């Protein structure tokens, strides 16, 4: 069982399975833009939470023989 508030807090990613659920555009924008919190505070919080310094990670490789590139947004 997954609680909606937990999903919202984790940007609709289910903890444990790392499954990404659909998120509508208004919710996505709300998670991207600052809302009543200074950017520097969000940056400190997210860096501590992910243990990463970068907001976006980019990877290149192959998947079943096909060349791919992907990005992961963390902050």
Protein backbone atom coordinates (compact mmCIF):
# COMPACT_ATOMS: atom_id res chain seq x y z
CA UNK A 1 0.00 0.00 0.00
CA UNK A 2 1.32 3.44 -0.93
CA UNK A 3 -0.09 6.63 0.55
CA UNK A 4 -0.78 9.55 -1.77
CA UNK A 5 1.05 12.06 0.47
CA UNK A 6 4.14 9.83 0.36
CA UNK A 7 3.93 9.68 -3.45
CA UNK A 8 3.64 13.46 -3.68
CA UNK A 9 6.59 13.97 -1.35
CA UNK A 10 8.72 11.61 -3.46
CA UNK A 11 7.66 13.13 -6.83
CA UNK A 12 5.46 10.10 -7.62
CA UNK A 13 8.31 7.59 -7.42
CA UNK A 14 7.45 4.51 -5.36
CA UNK A 15 10.15 3.87 -2.78
CA UNK A 16 11.57 0.37 -2.84
CA UNK A 17 10.69 -0.40 -6.45
CA UNK A 18 11.79 3.00 -7.86
CA UNK A 19 8.73 2.85 -10.15
CA UNK A 20 7.86 6.25 -11.63
CA UNK A 21 4.14 6.94 -11.74
CA UNK A 22 2.58 9.45 -14.10
CA UNK A 23 2.53 13.03 -12.87
CA UNK A 24 0.35 15.66 -14.50
CA UNK A 25 1.89 18.91 -15.75
CA UNK A 26 0.76 21.18 -12.88
CA UNK A 27 2.23 18.80 -10.28
CA UNK A 28 5.47 18.46 -12.28
CA UNK A 29 5.82 22.25 -12.45
CA UNK A 30 5.10 22.60 -8.74
CA UNK A 31 8.01 20.24 -7.99
CA UNK A 32 10.37 22.09 -10.35
CA UNK A 33 9.76 25.69 -9.30
CA UNK A 34 10.44 27.30 -5.95
CA UNK A 35 7.35 27.46 -3.77
CA UNK A 36 7.73 29.49 -0.57
CA UNK A 37 11.24 28.22 -0.04
CA UNK A 38 14.53 29.87 -0.90
CA UNK A 39 16.55 28.18 -3.61
CA UNK A 40 19.59 27.93 -1.36
CA UNK A 41 17.50 26.08 1.27
CA UNK A 42 16.15 23.64 -1.33
CA UNK A 43 19.65 23.12 -2.71
CA UNK A 44 21.07 22.25 0.74
CA UNK A 45 18.14 19.94 1.51
CA UNK A 46 18.33 18.11 -1.80
CA UNK A 47 22.12 17.77 -1.76
CA UNK A 48 21.93 16.27 1.71
CA UNK A 49 19.10 13.96 0.64
CA UNK A 50 20.78 12.64 -2.51
CA UNK A 51 24.45 12.96 -1.50
CA UNK A 52 25.01 14.41 -5.00
CA UNK A 53 26.26 17.85 -6.03
CA UNK A 54 24.67 17.97 -9.49
CA UNK A 55 21.05 18.51 -10.42
CA UNK A 56 21.19 16.38 -13.56
CA UNK A 57 23.13 13.22 -14.32
CA UNK A 58 23.59 12.15 -17.95
CA UNK A 59 24.53 8.67 -19.05
CA UNK A 60 25.33 7.08 -22.40
CA UNK A 61 25.41 3.42 -23.29
CA UNK A 62 23.63 0.67 -25.13
CA UNK A 63 20.39 -1.11 -24.39
CA UNK A 64 19.84 -4.33 -26.30
CA UNK A 65 22.41 -3.14 -28.84
CA UNK A 66 20.85 0.30 -29.37
CA UNK A 67 22.80 3.44 -28.46
CA UNK A 68 20.94 5.52 -25.90
CA UNK A 69 21.46 8.57 -23.72
CA UNK A 70 19.46 9.33 -20.62
CA UNK A 71 19.30 11.97 -17.94
CA UNK A 72 18.20 11.80 -14.35
CA UNK A 73 17.06 14.95 -12.55
CA UNK A 74 17.86 14.91 -8.86
CA UNK A 75 17.54 18.44 -7.57
